[in-house]
Amino acid sequence: MKAAYIQQTGPPECIVVGELPPPTPGPTEVLVRVTAAAVNPIDTYIRNGAHYWDLPRPFIVGCDLAGVVERVGERVRRFVPGDRVWGSNQGLLGRQGTFAEYCAVDECWLYPTPPGVDDQVVAALALVGITAHLGLFREAVLQPGQTIGVRGGTGGVGSVVIQMAKLAGGRVIATGGSAAKVARCRELGADAAVNYRTEDLASALRQFAPDGVDVFWETLREPDFDEIVGYLAERGKIVLMAGRDARPPFPVGPFYVKGCSLHGFVMFKASPDEQRVCAEDINRWLRERKLTANISHVLPLAEAARAHRLQEESTVHKSGEVAGKIVVLP
């Protein structure tokens, strides 16, 4: 099968697109013919040498996938050949990734694709959708009528946070780095949107939520907690899902006097049952046509290195070229 893989960690140019033997599914695994995959920032960190866990060699990159069941292991009960499925959590914790024509996935990480929903959409929503759901509902416990500020409203996670927060009855203010991105935030459902390059975010937040926002979703890898705590309402919550190596100063006094709380998490440490709850809501909203993916680029598997380079330049170097998800087609 064709696959995008690395033999050693390093820059995007380390990615090789070539032939590898197709995987054989184990007793609880499903062999999926991959029709779409997606890039996430963590993919680039692992490829670049972040030593979170030992990698198999060769290591196929990628977390997310959509596709069709080809074969199932003897103990698989939820899927049969021909089923359309989507999932995430591959390429993590030593598992092989999804940038290949075939991927063997434990059935606990797979979900049925709703009829009429494009594979590119579910692949693009996989990791970011589960992340947004966990952060909003397990961590922040967002309630109807509450206000939420979302940094980077057109990004992979931010674009889904906007939509899910609105579906939960929240009021959303989001940021974008251009007039087009601000307009896209509004299209996704944001009640207000701010161009952080040309407008004063603090003033916009005060106008939107005079008593402060109930939740602030931070996507920056180096957060400014003095700034964020100033945006929060009494008992406000900060949600963090990026910045593994960040060590910023923290305003302890203002934070605890307001009774605030800080919620950091990574989606791949959520249990299969927790992630399935997220996936069931995602599928329901997809069936109802209330949720969509913000797709920025669609590239062939042969351009896997370019996909990683685009993601890395956007995440680390803030190029602004990627507004949403990069989808890769095997």
C-alpha atoms as a PDB file:
ATOM      1  CA  MET A   1       0.000   0.000   0.000  1.00  0.00           C
ATOM      2  CA  LYS A   2       1.056   3.627  -0.440  1.00  0.00           C
ATOM      3  CA  ALA A   3       1.848   5.404   2.818  1.00  0.00           C
ATOM      4  CA  ALA A   4       3.487   8.589   4.119  1.00  0.00           C
ATOM      5  CA  TYR A   5       6.000   7.623   6.789  1.00  0.00           C
ATOM      6  CA  ILE A   6       9.267   8.518   8.478  1.00  0.00           C
ATOM      7  CA  GLN A   7      12.295   6.385   9.297  1.00  0.00           C
ATOM      8  CA  GLN A   8      13.675   9.066  11.611  1.00  0.00           C
ATOM      9  CA  THR A   9      12.309  12.256  13.105  1.00  0.00           C
ATOM     10  CA  GLY A  10      13.097  15.666  11.658  1.00  0.00           C
ATOM     11  CA  PRO A  11      11.707  18.355   9.325  1.00  0.00           C
ATOM     12  CA  PRO A  12       8.831  17.762   6.890  1.00  0.00           C
ATOM     13  CA  GLU A  13      11.299  16.591   4.276  1.00  0.00           C
ATOM     14  CA  CYS A  14      11.821  13.453   6.399  1.00  0.00           C
ATOM     15  CA  ILE A  15       8.418  12.210   5.237  1.00  0.00           C
ATOM     16  CA  VAL A  16       8.677   9.500   2.591  1.00  0.00           C
ATOM     17  CA  VAL A  17       5.747   8.519   0.387  1.00  0.00           C
ATOM     18  CA  GLY A  18       6.235   4.943  -0.737  1.00  0.00           C
ATOM     19  CA  GLU A  19       5.115   1.336  -0.482  1.00  0.00           C
ATOM     20  CA  LEU A  20       4.640  -0.485   2.827  1.00  0.00           C
ATOM     21  CA  PRO A  21       2.922  -3.795   3.591  1.00  0.00           C
ATOM     22  CA  PRO A  22      -0.742  -3.323   4.496  1.00  0.00           C
ATOM     23  CA  PRO A  23      -1.517  -3.969   8.167  1.00  0.00           C
ATOM     24  CA  THR A  24      -3.242  -7.110   9.400  1.00  0.00           C
ATOM     25  CA  PRO A  25      -6.068  -6.344  11.824  1.00  0.00           C
ATOM     26  CA  GLY A  26      -5.901  -7.901  15.272  1.00  0.00           C
ATOM     27  CA  PRO A  27      -8.880  -9.553  17.033  1.00  0.00           C
ATOM     28  CA  THR A  28     -10.480  -6.227  18.079  1.00  0.00           C
ATOM     29  CA  GLU A  29      -9.268  -4.214  15.087  1.00  0.00           C
ATOM     30  CA  VAL A  30     -10.912  -3.035  11.887  1.00  0.00           C
ATOM     31  CA  LEU A  31      -9.004  -2.748   8.612  1.00  0.00           C
ATOM     32  CA  VAL A  32     -10.117   0.566   7.087  1.00  0.00           C
ATOM     33  CA  ARG A  33      -9.523   1.586   3.490  1.00  0.00           C
ATOM     34  CA  VAL A  34      -8.673   5.218   4.109  1.00  0.00           C
ATOM     35  CA  THR A  35     -10.397   7.756   1.866  1.00  0.00           C
ATOM     36  CA  ALA A  36      -9.430  10.927   3.767  1.00  0.00           C
ATOM     37  CA  ALA A  37      -7.046  11.898   6.556  1.00  0.00           C
ATOM     38  CA  ALA A  38      -6.262  15.224   8.224  1.00  0.00           C
ATOM     39  CA  VAL A  39      -3.260  17.042   9.676  1.00  0.00           C
ATOM     40  CA  ASN A  40      -3.074  18.201  13.299  1.00  0.00           C
ATOM     41  CA  PRO A  41      -0.352  20.206  15.055  1.00  0.00           C
ATOM     42  CA  ILE A  42       0.557  17.197  17.200  1.00  0.00           C
ATOM     43  CA  ASP A  43       1.408  15.278  14.010  1.00  0.00           C
ATOM     44  CA  THR A  44       4.123  17.817  13.260  1.00  0.00           C
ATOM     45  CA  TYR A  45       5.499  17.748  16.816  1.00  0.00           C
ATOM     46  CA  ILE A  46       5.837  13.952  16.750  1.00  0.00           C
ATOM     47  CA  ARG A  47       7.424  13.992  13.292  1.00  0.00           C
ATOM     48  CA  ASN A  48       9.851  16.682  14.416  1.00  0.00           C
ATOM     49  CA  GLY A  49      11.127  14.606  17.343  1.00  0.00           C
ATOM     50  CA  ALA A  50       8.945  15.364  20.380  1.00  0.00           C
ATOM     51  CA  HIS A  51       9.652  12.287  22.465  1.00  0.00           C
ATOM     52  CA  TYR A  52       6.217  11.654  23.923  1.00  0.00           C
ATOM     53  CA  TRP A  53       6.499   7.871  23.409  1.00  0.00           C
ATOM     54  CA  ASP A  54       8.543   5.398  21.375  1.00  0.00           C
ATOM     55  CA  LEU A  55       7.667   5.282  17.676  1.00  0.00           C
ATOM     56  CA  PRO A  56       7.541   2.172  15.507  1.00  0.00           C
ATOM     57  CA  ARG A  57       9.900   2.217  12.531  1.00  0.00           C
ATOM     58  CA  PRO A  58       8.858   2.993   9.894  1.00  0.00           C
ATOM     59  CA  PHE A  59       6.224   5.265  11.454  1.00  0.00           C
ATOM     60  CA  ILE A  60       3.156   6.274   9.442  1.00  0.00           C
ATOM     61  CA  VAL A  61       2.092   9.834  10.330  1.00  0.00           C
ATOM     62  CA  GLY A  62      -1.440  11.087  10.990  1.00  0.00           C
ATOM     63  CA  CYS A  63      -4.180  10.859  13.661  1.00  0.00           C
ATOM     64  CA  ASP A  64      -7.490  11.249  11.815  1.00  0.00           C
ATOM     65  CA  LEU A  65      -9.191   9.171   9.172  1.00  0.00           C
ATOM     66  CA  ALA A  66     -12.374   8.428   7.293  1.00  0.00           C
ATOM     67  CA  GLY A  67     -12.934   5.446   5.083  1.00  0.00           C
ATOM     68  CA  VAL A  68     -14.620   2.097   4.453  1.00  0.00           C
ATOM     69  CA  VAL A  69     -14.321  -1.124   6.457  1.00  0.00           C
ATOM     70  CA  GLU A  70     -12.490  -3.780   4.464  1.00  0.00           C
ATOM     71  CA  ARG A  71     -12.106  -6.529   7.061  1.00  0.00           C
ATOM     72  CA  VAL A  72     -12.758  -7.003  10.773  1.00  0.00           C
ATOM     73  CA  GLY A  73     -11.054  -8.970  13.545  1.00  0.00           C
ATOM     74  CA  GLU A  74     -12.776 -11.955  15.102  1.00  0.00           C
ATOM     75  CA  ARG A  75     -13.927 -10.052  18.201  1.00  0.00           C
ATOM     76  CA  VAL A  76     -15.223  -6.945  16.411  1.00  0.00           C
ATOM     77  CA  ARG A  77     -18.967  -6.483  16.960  1.00  0.00           C
ATOM     78  CA  ARG A  78     -19.797  -2.911  15.951  1.00  0.00           C
ATOM     79  CA  PHE A  79     -18.756  -2.913  12.282  1.00  0.00           C
ATOM     80  CA  VAL A  80     -18.931  -5.117   9.185  1.00  0.00           C
ATOM     81  CA  PRO A  81     -17.192  -4.851   5.799  1.00  0.00           C
ATOM     82  CA  GLY A  82     -18.639  -2.043   3.707  1.00  0.00           C
ATOM     83  CA  ASP A  83     -19.461   0.240   6.636  1.00  0.00           C
ATOM     84  CA  ARG A  84     -18.330   3.853   6.311  1.00  0.00           C
ATOM     85  CA  VAL A  85     -16.414   4.943   9.417  1.00  0.00           C
ATOM     86  CA  TRP A  86     -14.384   7.799  10.855  1.00  0.00           C
ATOM     87  CA  GLY A  87     -12.066   8.137  13.820  1.00  0.00           C
ATOM     88  CA  SER A  88      -9.013   9.630  15.457  1.00  0.00           C
ATOM     89  CA  ASN A  89      -6.398   8.697  18.076  1.00  0.00           C
ATOM     90  CA  GLN A  90      -4.147   6.911  15.596  1.00  0.00           C
ATOM     91  CA  GLY A  91      -0.442   7.785  15.273  1.00  0.00           C
ATOM     92  CA  LEU A  92      -0.463   8.329  19.051  1.00  0.00           C
ATOM     93  CA  LEU A  93       0.832   6.337  22.023  1.00  0.00           C
ATOM     94  CA  GLY A  94       2.854   4.116  19.689  1.00  0.00           C
ATOM     95  CA  ARG A  95       0.034   3.346  17.253  1.00  0.00           C
ATOM     96  CA  GLN A  96       0.608   3.609  13.508  1.00  0.00           C
ATOM     97  CA  GLY A  97      -0.951   6.597  11.757  1.00  0.00           C
ATOM     98  CA  THR A  98      -3.512   7.203   9.039  1.00  0.00           C
ATOM     99  CA  PHE A  99      -1.605   8.662   6.069  1.00  0.00           C
ATOM    100  CA  ALA A 100      -1.881   5.430   4.129  1.00  0.00           C
ATOM    101  CA  GLU A 101      -4.251   3.510   1.888  1.00  0.00           C
ATOM    102  CA  TYR A 102      -5.106   1.181   4.782  1.00  0.00           C
ATOM    103  CA  CYS A 103      -5.104   1.493   8.569  1.00  0.00           C
ATOM    104  CA  ALA A 104      -5.830  -1.108  11.274  1.00  0.00           C
ATOM    105  CA  VAL A 105      -7.846   0.608  14.027  1.00  0.00           C
ATOM    106  CA  ASP A 106      -9.227  -0.795  17.260  1.00  0.00           C
ATOM    107  CA  GLU A 107     -13.013  -0.624  16.977  1.00  0.00           C
ATOM    108  CA  CYS A 108     -13.202   1.450  20.188  1.00  0.00           C
ATOM    109  CA  TRP A 109     -11.727   4.434  18.274  1.00  0.00           C
ATOM    110  CA  LEU A 110     -14.125   4.217  15.296  1.00  0.00           C
ATOM    111  CA  TYR A 111     -17.591   5.685  14.702  1.00  0.00           C
ATOM    112  CA  PRO A 112     -20.138   5.258  11.876  1.00  0.00           C
ATOM    113  CA  THR A 113     -20.152   7.998   9.253  1.00  0.00           C
ATOM    114  CA  PRO A 114     -23.650   9.486   8.899  1.00  0.00           C
ATOM    115  CA  PRO A 115     -25.304   8.988   5.492  1.00  0.00           C
ATOM    116  CA  GLY A 116     -24.766  11.888   3.124  1.00  0.00           C
ATOM    117  CA  VAL A 117     -21.778  13.298   5.016  1.00  0.00           C
ATOM    118  CA  ASP A 118     -18.576  13.626   2.998  1.00  0.00           C
ATOM    119  CA  ASP A 119     -15.511  11.683   4.181  1.00  0.00           C
ATOM    120  CA  GLN A 120     -13.382  14.823   3.976  1.00  0.00           C
ATOM    121  CA  VAL A 121     -15.704  16.526   6.459  1.00  0.00           C
ATOM    122  CA  VAL A 122     -15.625  13.768   9.074  1.00  0.00           C
ATOM    123  CA  ALA A 123     -11.858  13.320   8.732  1.00  0.00           C
ATOM    124  CA  ALA A 124     -11.372  17.068   9.225  1.00  0.00           C
ATOM    125  CA  LEU A 125     -13.666  17.068  12.272  1.00  0.00           C
ATOM    126  CA  ALA A 126     -12.255  13.995  14.005  1.00  0.00           C
ATOM    127  CA  LEU A 127      -9.575  15.143  16.459  1.00  0.00           C
ATOM    128  CA  VAL A 128     -10.666  18.781  16.595  1.00  0.00           C
ATOM    129  CA  GLY A 129     -14.326  17.883  17.067  1.00  0.00           C
ATOM    130  CA  ILE A 130     -13.621  15.533  19.953  1.00  0.00           C
ATOM    131  CA  THR A 131     -11.245  18.125  21.438  1.00  0.00           C
ATOM    132  CA  ALA A 132     -13.837  20.904  21.215  1.00  0.00           C
ATOM    133  CA  HIS A 133     -16.520  18.702  22.760  1.00  0.00           C
ATOM    134  CA  LEU A 134     -14.329  17.572  25.669  1.00  0.00           C
ATOM    135  CA  GLY A 135     -13.223  21.133  26.395  1.00  0.00           C
ATOM    136  CA  LEU A 136     -16.672  22.699  26.234  1.00  0.00           C
ATOM    137  CA  PHE A 137     -18.765  20.054  27.965  1.00  0.00           C
ATOM    138  CA  ARG A 138     -16.517  17.858  30.112  1.00  0.00           C
ATOM    139  CA  GLU A 139     -14.132  20.625  31.221  1.00  0.00           C
ATOM    140  CA  ALA A 140     -15.915  23.997  31.006  1.00  0.00           C
ATOM    141  CA  VAL A 141     -19.430  22.517  31.439  1.00  0.00           C
ATOM    142  CA  LEU A 142     -20.772  25.321  29.232  1.00  0.00           C
ATOM    143  CA  GLN A 143     -24.375  26.296  30.038  1.00  0.00           C
ATOM    144  CA  PRO A 144     -26.997  28.005  27.863  1.00  0.00           C
ATOM    145  CA  GLY A 145     -26.652  31.774  27.989  1.00  0.00           C
ATOM    146  CA  GLN A 146     -23.026  31.747  29.093  1.00  0.00           C
ATOM    147  CA  THR A 147     -20.428  33.771  27.185  1.00  0.00           C
ATOM    148  CA  ILE A 148     -17.269  32.316  25.660  1.00  0.00           C
ATOM    149  CA  GLY A 149     -14.262  33.945  24.033  1.00  0.00           C
ATOM    150  CA  VAL A 150     -12.494  31.850  21.401  1.00  0.00           C
ATOM    151  CA  ARG A 151      -8.968  32.711  20.306  1.00  0.00           C
ATOM    152  CA  GLY A 152      -8.455  31.757  16.651  1.00  0.00           C
ATOM    153  CA  GLY A 153     -12.019  31.194  15.521  1.00  0.00           C
ATOM    154  CA  THR A 154     -11.134  29.911  12.048  1.00  0.00           C
ATOM    155  CA  GLY A 155      -8.551  27.381  13.234  1.00  0.00           C
ATOM    156  CA  GLY A 156      -9.185  23.663  13.294  1.00  0.00           C
ATOM    157  CA  VAL A 157     -10.322  23.571  16.933  1.00  0.00           C
ATOM    158  CA  GLY A 158     -11.593  27.145  17.207  1.00  0.00           C
ATOM    159  CA  SER A 159     -13.990  26.799  14.285  1.00  0.00           C
ATOM    160  CA  VAL A 160     -15.632  23.789  15.935  1.00  0.00           C
ATOM    161  CA  VAL A 161     -15.702  25.434  19.374  1.00  0.00           C
ATOM    162  CA  ILE A 162     -17.721  28.317  17.892  1.00  0.00           C
ATOM    163  CA  GLN A 163     -20.262  25.958  16.348  1.00  0.00           C
ATOM    164  CA  MET A 164     -20.634  23.671  19.358  1.00  0.00           C
ATOM    165  CA  ALA A 165     -20.880  26.583  21.795  1.00  0.00           C
ATOM    166  CA  LYS A 166     -23.717  28.041  19.744  1.00  0.00           C
ATOM    167  CA  LEU A 167     -25.439  24.655  19.565  1.00  0.00           C
ATOM    168  CA  ALA A 168     -25.278  24.602  23.381  1.00  0.00           C
ATOM    169  CA  GLY A 169     -26.921  28.019  23.625  1.00  0.00           C
ATOM    170  CA  GLY A 170     -23.781  30.026  24.370  1.00  0.00           C
ATOM    171  CA  ARG A 171     -22.897  33.538  23.252  1.00  0.00           C
ATOM    172  CA  VAL A 172     -19.595  33.562  21.354  1.00  0.00           C
ATOM    173  CA  ILE A 173     -16.979  36.187  20.575  1.00  0.00           C
ATOM    174  CA  ALA A 174     -14.059  34.990  18.464  1.00  0.00           C
ATOM    175  CA  THR A 175     -10.839  36.406  17.022  1.00  0.00           C
ATOM    176  CA  GLY A 176      -9.339  36.240  13.547  1.00  0.00           C
ATOM    177  CA  GLY A 177      -6.267  37.746  11.954  1.00  0.00           C
ATOM    178  CA  SER A 178      -7.864  39.267   8.843  1.00  0.00           C
ATOM    179  CA  ALA A 179     -11.142  40.694   7.612  1.00  0.00           C
ATOM    180  CA  ALA A 180     -11.836  37.418   5.796  1.00  0.00           C
ATOM    181  CA  LYS A 181     -11.235  35.384   8.950  1.00  0.00           C
ATOM    182  CA  VAL A 182     -13.466  37.681  10.986  1.00  0.00           C
ATOM    183  CA  ALA A 183     -16.205  37.221   8.395  1.00  0.00           C
ATOM    184  CA  ARG A 184     -15.717  33.445   8.534  1.00  0.00           C
ATOM    185  CA  CYS A 185     -16.081  33.486  12.343  1.00  0.00           C
ATOM    186  CA  ARG A 186     -19.461  35.131  11.902  1.00  0.00           C
ATOM    187  CA  GLU A 187     -20.457  32.600   9.225  1.00  0.00           C
ATOM    188  CA  LEU A 188     -19.622  29.822  11.686  1.00  0.00           C
ATOM    189  CA  GLY A 189     -22.021  31.388  14.174  1.00  0.00           C
ATOM    190  CA  ALA A 190     -20.003  33.796  16.322  1.00  0.00           C
ATOM    191  CA  ASP A 191     -22.137  36.591  17.763  1.00  0.00           C
ATOM    192  CA  ALA A 192     -19.138  38.932  17.542  1.00  0.00           C
ATOM    193  CA  ALA A 193     -15.730  38.686  15.917  1.00  0.00           C
ATOM    194  CA  VAL A 194     -12.577  40.770  16.331  1.00  0.00           C
ATOM    195  CA  ASN A 195      -9.608  41.327  14.031  1.00  0.00           C
ATOM    196  CA  TYR A 196      -6.847  41.062  16.625  1.00  0.00           C
ATOM    197  CA  ARG A 197      -4.368  42.730  14.251  1.00  0.00           C
ATOM    198  CA  THR A 198      -6.364  45.947  13.853  1.00  0.00           C
ATOM    199  CA  GLU A 199      -8.818  46.045  16.776  1.00  0.00           C
ATOM    200  CA  ASP A 200      -8.465  46.124  20.551  1.00  0.00           C
ATOM    201  CA  LEU A 201      -9.606  42.772  21.884  1.00  0.00           C
ATOM    202  CA  ALA A 202      -9.996  43.962  25.476  1.00  0.00           C
ATOM    203  CA  SER A 203     -12.377  46.749  24.417  1.00  0.00           C
ATOM    204  CA  ALA A 204     -14.386  44.398  22.225  1.00  0.00           C
ATOM    205  CA  LEU A 205     -14.707  41.872  25.055  1.00  0.00           C
ATOM    206  CA  ARG A 206     -15.840  44.556  27.515  1.00  0.00           C
ATOM    207  CA  GLN A 207     -18.518  45.649  25.057  1.00  0.00           C
ATOM    208  CA  PHE A 208     -19.607  42.058  24.397  1.00  0.00           C
ATOM    209  CA  ALA A 209     -19.546  40.900  28.031  1.00  0.00           C
ATOM    210  CA  PRO A 210     -19.280  43.867  30.439  1.00  0.00           C
ATOM    211  CA  ASP A 211     -18.871  41.541  33.431  1.00  0.00           C
ATOM    212  CA  GLY A 212     -16.339  39.334  31.651  1.00  0.00           C
ATOM    213  CA  VAL A 213     -16.678  36.082  29.730  1.00  0.00           C
ATOM    214  CA  ASP A 214     -17.616  32.861  31.495  1.00  0.00           C
ATOM    215  CA  VAL A 215     -15.160  30.797  29.437  1.00  0.00           C
ATOM    216  CA  PHE A 216     -12.033  31.759  27.518  1.00  0.00           C
ATOM    217  CA  TRP A 217     -10.757  29.143  25.062  1.00  0.00           C
ATOM    218  CA  GLU A 218      -7.045  29.726  24.466  1.00  0.00           C
ATOM    219  CA  THR A 219      -5.355  28.268  21.384  1.00  0.00           C
ATOM    220  CA  LEU A 220      -2.009  30.092  21.615  1.00  0.00           C
ATOM    221  CA  ARG A 221       1.029  28.014  22.525  1.00  0.00           C
ATOM    222  CA  GLU A 222       2.333  30.842  24.792  1.00  0.00           C
ATOM    223  CA  PRO A 223      -0.687  32.269  26.624  1.00  0.00           C
ATOM    224  CA  ASP A 224      -0.651  35.622  28.416  1.00  0.00           C
ATOM    225  CA  PHE A 225      -2.501  34.776  31.623  1.00  0.00           C
ATOM    226  CA  ASP A 226      -2.512  38.369  32.889  1.00  0.00           C
ATOM    227  CA  GLU A 227      -4.461  39.287  29.774  1.00  0.00           C
ATOM    228  CA  ILE A 228      -6.808  36.289  29.928  1.00  0.00           C
ATOM    229  CA  VAL A 229      -7.674  36.578  33.630  1.00  0.00           C
ATOM    230  CA  GLY A 230      -8.588  40.202  32.959  1.00  0.00           C
ATOM    231  CA  TYR A 231     -11.141  39.011  30.401  1.00  0.00           C
ATOM    232  CA  LEU A 232     -12.865  36.568  32.761  1.00  0.00           C
ATOM    233  CA  ALA A 233     -16.058  36.990  34.748  1.00  0.00           C
ATOM    234  CA  GLU A 234     -16.279  35.909  38.364  1.00  0.00           C
ATOM    235  CA  ARG A 235     -15.764  32.142  38.472  1.00  0.00           C
ATOM    236  CA  GLY A 236     -14.651  32.249  34.858  1.00  0.00           C
ATOM    237  CA  LYS A 237     -12.912  29.280  33.275  1.00  0.00           C
ATOM    238  CA  ILE A 238      -9.855  29.085  31.022  1.00  0.00           C
ATOM    239  CA  VAL A 239      -9.560  26.125  28.652  1.00  0.00           C
ATOM    240  CA  LEU A 240      -6.063  25.177  27.453  1.00  0.00           C
ATOM    241  CA  MET A 241      -5.201  22.582  24.802  1.00  0.00           C
ATOM    242  CA  ALA A 242      -1.832  23.758  23.438  1.00  0.00           C
ATOM    243  CA  GLY A 243       1.615  24.863  24.590  1.00  0.00           C
ATOM    244  CA  ARG A 244       3.181  21.710  26.033  1.00  0.00           C
ATOM    245  CA  ASP A 245       6.551  23.420  26.572  1.00  0.00           C
ATOM    246  CA  ALA A 246       5.145  26.807  27.636  1.00  0.00           C
ATOM    247  CA  ARG A 247       6.136  28.246  31.042  1.00  0.00           C
ATOM    248  CA  PRO A 248       4.441  31.690  31.152  1.00  0.00           C
ATOM    249  CA  PRO A 249       4.062  33.826  34.306  1.00  0.00           C
ATOM    250  CA  PHE A 250       0.762  33.364  36.134  1.00  0.00           C
ATOM    251  CA  PRO A 251      -1.256  36.044  38.034  1.00  0.00           C
ATOM    252  CA  VAL A 252      -2.138  33.974  41.083  1.00  0.00           C
ATOM    253  CA  GLY A 253      -3.808  36.791  43.031  1.00  0.00           C
ATOM    254  CA  PRO A 254      -6.301  38.068  40.434  1.00  0.00           C
ATOM    255  CA  PHE A 255      -7.030  34.473  39.418  1.00  0.00           C
ATOM    256  CA  TYR A 256      -8.021  33.123  42.814  1.00  0.00           C
ATOM    257  CA  VAL A 257      -9.725  36.305  44.020  1.00  0.00           C
ATOM    258  CA  LYS A 258     -12.125  35.971  41.078  1.00  0.00           C
ATOM    259  CA  GLY A 259     -12.646  32.296  41.904  1.00  0.00           C
ATOM    260  CA  CYS A 260     -11.481  31.268  38.426  1.00  0.00           C
ATOM    261  CA  SER A 261     -10.471  27.797  37.271  1.00  0.00           C
ATOM    262  CA  LEU A 262      -8.009  26.500  34.691  1.00  0.00           C
ATOM    263  CA  HIS A 263      -8.748  23.430  32.584  1.00  0.00           C
ATOM    264  CA  GLY A 264      -5.956  21.823  30.601  1.00  0.00           C
ATOM    265  CA  PHE A 265      -6.394  18.555  28.705  1.00  0.00           C
ATOM    266  CA  VAL A 266      -5.352  16.497  25.694  1.00  0.00           C
ATOM    267  CA  MET A 267      -8.020  14.570  23.834  1.00  0.00           C
ATOM    268  CA  PHE A 268      -6.009  11.390  23.355  1.00  0.00           C
ATOM    269  CA  LYS A 269      -5.954  10.781  27.117  1.00  0.00           C
ATOM    270  CA  ALA A 270      -9.759  10.670  27.205  1.00  0.00           C
ATOM    271  CA  SER A 271     -11.144   7.150  27.480  1.00  0.00           C
ATOM    272  CA  PRO A 272     -12.864   5.406  24.561  1.00  0.00           C
ATOM    273  CA  ASP A 273     -16.210   5.841  26.352  1.00  0.00           C
ATOM    274  CA  GLU A 274     -15.613   9.581  26.846  1.00  0.00           C
ATOM    275  CA  GLN A 275     -14.663  10.019  23.208  1.00  0.00           C
ATOM    276  CA  ARG A 276     -17.642   8.007  22.020  1.00  0.00           C
ATOM    277  CA  VAL A 277     -19.977  10.410  23.825  1.00  0.00           C
ATOM    278  CA  CYS A 278     -18.371  13.229  21.827  1.00  0.00           C
ATOM    279  CA  ALA A 279     -18.626  11.293  18.569  1.00  0.00           C
ATOM    280  CA  GLU A 280     -22.323  10.555  19.102  1.00  0.00           C
ATOM    281  CA  ASP A 281     -23.091  14.270  19.454  1.00  0.00           C
ATOM    282  CA  ILE A 282     -20.890  15.094  16.470  1.00  0.00           C
ATOM    283  CA  ASN A 283     -22.727  12.520  14.351  1.00  0.00           C
ATOM    284  CA  ARG A 284     -26.120  13.818  15.481  1.00  0.00           C
ATOM    285  CA  TRP A 285     -25.196  17.384  14.580  1.00  0.00           C
ATOM    286  CA  LEU A 286     -23.792  16.221  11.236  1.00  0.00           C
ATOM    287  CA  ARG A 287     -27.021  14.372  10.438  1.00  0.00           C
ATOM    288  CA  GLU A 288     -28.977  17.505  11.321  1.00  0.00           C
ATOM    289  CA  ARG A 289     -26.638  19.604   9.142  1.00  0.00           C
ATOM    290  CA  LYS A 290     -25.784  21.795  12.148  1.00  0.00           C
ATOM    291  CA  LEU A 291     -22.030  21.167  12.149  1.00  0.00           C
ATOM    292  CA  THR A 292     -19.426  21.499   9.429  1.00  0.00           C
ATOM    293  CA  ALA A 293     -15.660  21.336   9.007  1.00  0.00           C
ATOM    294  CA  ASN A 294     -13.616  24.416   8.199  1.00  0.00           C
ATOM    295  CA  ILE A 295     -11.327  22.978   5.509  1.00  0.00           C
ATOM    296  CA  SER A 296      -8.448  25.151   4.330  1.00  0.00           C
ATOM    297  CA  HIS A 297      -6.475  22.845   1.991  1.00  0.00           C
ATOM    298  CA  VAL A 298      -7.043  19.459   0.324  1.00  0.00           C
ATOM    299  CA  LEU A 299      -3.850  17.743  -0.849  1.00  0.00           C
ATOM    300  CA  PRO A 300      -2.929  14.330  -2.266  1.00  0.00           C
ATOM    301  CA  LEU A 301      -0.917  11.867  -0.172  1.00  0.00           C
ATOM    302  CA  ALA A 302       2.078  12.586  -2.409  1.00  0.00           C
ATOM    303  CA  GLU A 303       2.162  16.074  -0.866  1.00  0.00           C
ATOM    304  CA  ALA A 304       2.201  14.891   2.766  1.00  0.00           C
ATOM    305  CA  ALA A 305       5.433  16.787   3.432  1.00  0.00           C
ATOM    306  CA  ARG A 306       3.885  19.985   2.090  1.00  0.00           C
ATOM    307  CA  ALA A 307       0.826  19.423   4.287  1.00  0.00           C
ATOM    308  CA  HIS A 308       3.072  19.148   7.354  1.00  0.00           C
ATOM    309  CA  ARG A 309       5.055  22.213   6.331  1.00  0.00           C
ATOM    310  CA  LEU A 310       1.894  24.289   5.908  1.00  0.00           C
ATOM    311  CA  GLN A 311       0.592  23.179   9.306  1.00  0.00           C
ATOM    312  CA  GLU A 312       3.899  23.824  11.036  1.00  0.00           C
ATOM    313  CA  GLU A 313       4.306  27.288   9.504  1.00  0.00           C
ATOM    314  CA  SER A 314       0.794  28.176  10.602  1.00  0.00           C
ATOM    315  CA  THR A 315       1.036  26.764  14.146  1.00  0.00           C
ATOM    316  CA  VAL A 316       4.600  27.658  15.071  1.00  0.00           C
ATOM    317  CA  HIS A 317       5.438  30.585  12.802  1.00  0.00           C
ATOM    318  CA  LYS A 318       1.896  32.033  12.564  1.00  0.00           C
ATOM    319  CA  SER A 319       2.029  32.356   8.770  1.00  0.00           C
ATOM    320  CA  GLY A 320      -1.749  32.821   8.516  1.00  0.00           C
ATOM    321  CA  GLU A 321      -1.852  30.707   5.349  1.00  0.00           C
ATOM    322  CA  VAL A 322      -3.948  27.940   6.922  1.00  0.00           C
ATOM    323  CA  ALA A 323      -7.460  28.856   8.070  1.00  0.00           C
ATOM    324  CA  GLY A 324      -8.921  25.560   9.204  1.00  0.00           C
ATOM    325  CA  LYS A 325      -7.973  21.960   8.498  1.00  0.00           C
ATOM    326  CA  ILE A 326      -5.623  20.408   5.963  1.00  0.00           C
ATOM    327  CA  VAL A 327      -7.106  17.237   4.486  1.00  0.00           C
ATOM    328  CA  VAL A 328      -4.945  14.623   2.763  1.00  0.00           C
ATOM    329  CA  LEU A 329      -6.355  12.108   0.269  1.00  0.00           C
ATOM    330  CA  PRO A 330      -4.562   8.705   0.010  1.00  0.00           C
END
